[in-house]
Amino acid sequence: MTEVEIKVKPNGPLVVSGPIRIVDVEGNEYELPAGTSYALCRCGASENKPFCDKSHQRIGFQAPSAATG
């Protein structure tokens, strides 16, 4: 089975490679098969949430890129 990987892009989205399943607040499901990757919004400004539409570039989003867990 392929592992899930999440990459944090500097001042940008989270890039997730599957296989994964995303369920939004309305219960809509997005099946993301292995071998594909998707950018998930981290700035909150995307018009295509939960997916990134590059709004972070327009708004000048700044965030720490190192994990602090």
C-alpha atoms as a PDB file:
ATOM      1  CA  MET A   1       0.000   0.000   0.000  1.00  0.00           C
ATOM      2  CA  THR A   2       1.236   3.479  -0.867  1.00  0.00           C
ATOM      3  CA  GLU A   3       1.962   5.769   2.053  1.00  0.00           C
ATOM      4  CA  VAL A   4       0.289   9.127   2.507  1.00  0.00           C
ATOM      5  CA  GLU A   5       2.706  12.054   2.383  1.00  0.00           C
ATOM      6  CA  ILE A   6       2.030  15.660   3.367  1.00  0.00           C
ATOM      7  CA  LYS A   7       4.526  18.322   2.315  1.00  0.00           C
ATOM      8  CA  VAL A   8       4.384  21.861   3.688  1.00  0.00           C
ATOM      9  CA  LYS A   9       5.174  24.403   0.980  1.00  0.00           C
ATOM     10  CA  PRO A  10       6.848  27.640   2.142  1.00  0.00           C
ATOM     11  CA  ASN A  11       4.090  30.238   2.620  1.00  0.00           C
ATOM     12  CA  GLY A  12       1.808  28.038   0.558  1.00  0.00           C
ATOM     13  CA  PRO A  13      -0.412  24.986   0.640  1.00  0.00           C
ATOM     14  CA  LEU A  14      -0.097  21.519   2.078  1.00  0.00           C
ATOM     15  CA  VAL A  15       0.627  19.111  -0.771  1.00  0.00           C
ATOM     16  CA  VAL A  16      -0.880  15.711  -0.041  1.00  0.00           C
ATOM     17  CA  SER A  17      -0.249  12.543  -2.019  1.00  0.00           C
ATOM     18  CA  GLY A  18      -2.582   9.602  -1.584  1.00  0.00           C
ATOM     19  CA  PRO A  19      -4.397   7.443  -1.391  1.00  0.00           C
ATOM     20  CA  ILE A  20      -6.551   9.551   0.926  1.00  0.00           C
ATOM     21  CA  ARG A  21     -10.182  10.528   1.404  1.00  0.00           C
ATOM     22  CA  ILE A  22     -11.193  14.097   2.235  1.00  0.00           C
ATOM     23  CA  VAL A  23     -14.624  14.812   3.722  1.00  0.00           C
ATOM     24  CA  ASP A  24     -15.701  18.465   3.865  1.00  0.00           C
ATOM     25  CA  VAL A  25     -18.050  20.080   6.408  1.00  0.00           C
ATOM     26  CA  GLU A  26     -21.071  19.260   4.241  1.00  0.00           C
ATOM     27  CA  GLY A  27     -20.135  15.586   4.037  1.00  0.00           C
ATOM     28  CA  ASN A  28     -18.903  15.731   0.445  1.00  0.00           C
ATOM     29  CA  GLU A  29     -16.193  13.131  -0.126  1.00  0.00           C
ATOM     30  CA  TYR A  30     -13.153  13.430  -2.353  1.00  0.00           C
ATOM     31  CA  GLU A  31     -11.296  10.195  -3.086  1.00  0.00           C
ATOM     32  CA  LEU A  32      -7.679  10.906  -3.935  1.00  0.00           C
ATOM     33  CA  PRO A  33      -6.049   7.821  -5.465  1.00  0.00           C
ATOM     34  CA  ALA A  34      -2.452   6.769  -5.060  1.00  0.00           C
ATOM     35  CA  GLY A  35      -0.097   8.347  -7.574  1.00  0.00           C
ATOM     36  CA  THR A  36      -1.755  11.756  -7.454  1.00  0.00           C
ATOM     37  CA  SER A  37      -1.132  14.794  -5.298  1.00  0.00           C
ATOM     38  CA  TYR A  38      -3.357  17.688  -4.307  1.00  0.00           C
ATOM     39  CA  ALA A  39      -2.648  21.080  -2.782  1.00  0.00           C
ATOM     40  CA  LEU A  40      -4.814  21.880   0.227  1.00  0.00           C
ATOM     41  CA  CYS A  41      -5.407  25.502   1.216  1.00  0.00           C
ATOM     42  CA  ARG A  42      -3.547  26.653   4.301  1.00  0.00           C
ATOM     43  CA  CYS A  43      -4.134  30.414   4.038  1.00  0.00           C
ATOM     44  CA  GLY A  44      -7.940  30.381   4.203  1.00  0.00           C
ATOM     45  CA  ALA A  45      -8.418  32.592   1.125  1.00  0.00           C
ATOM     46  CA  SER A  46      -9.022  29.938  -1.543  1.00  0.00           C
ATOM     47  CA  GLU A  47     -12.294  30.103  -3.449  1.00  0.00           C
ATOM     48  CA  ASN A  48     -11.975  26.344  -4.014  1.00  0.00           C
ATOM     49  CA  LYS A  49     -11.603  25.086  -0.427  1.00  0.00           C
ATOM     50  CA  PRO A  50     -10.357  22.680   0.712  1.00  0.00           C
ATOM     51  CA  PHE A  51      -8.141  22.874  -2.374  1.00  0.00           C
ATOM     52  CA  CYS A  52      -5.575  25.588  -3.055  1.00  0.00           C
ATOM     53  CA  ASP A  53      -6.228  28.088  -5.861  1.00  0.00           C
ATOM     54  CA  LYS A  54      -2.969  30.024  -5.257  1.00  0.00           C
ATOM     55  CA  SER A  55      -4.736  32.797  -3.336  1.00  0.00           C
ATOM     56  CA  HIS A  56      -1.824  32.668  -0.871  1.00  0.00           C
ATOM     57  CA  GLN A  57       0.293  34.440  -3.495  1.00  0.00           C
ATOM     58  CA  ARG A  58      -2.283  37.209  -3.971  1.00  0.00           C
ATOM     59  CA  ILE A  59      -2.697  37.894  -0.236  1.00  0.00           C
ATOM     60  CA  GLY A  60       0.982  37.553   0.715  1.00  0.00           C
ATOM     61  CA  PHE A  61       0.379  34.639   3.091  1.00  0.00           C
ATOM     62  CA  GLN A  62       3.251  34.096   5.533  1.00  0.00           C
ATOM     63  CA  ALA A  63       3.534  31.065   7.792  1.00  0.00           C
ATOM     64  CA  PRO A  64       6.204  29.081   9.568  1.00  0.00           C
ATOM     65  CA  SER A  65       7.147  26.082   7.471  1.00  0.00           C
ATOM     66  CA  ALA A  66       8.759  23.966  10.171  1.00  0.00           C
ATOM     67  CA  ALA A  67       6.596  21.520  12.085  1.00  0.00           C
ATOM     68  CA  THR A  68       6.053  22.506  15.706  1.00  0.00           C
ATOM     69  CA  GLY A  69       4.111  19.493  16.917  1.00  0.00           C
END
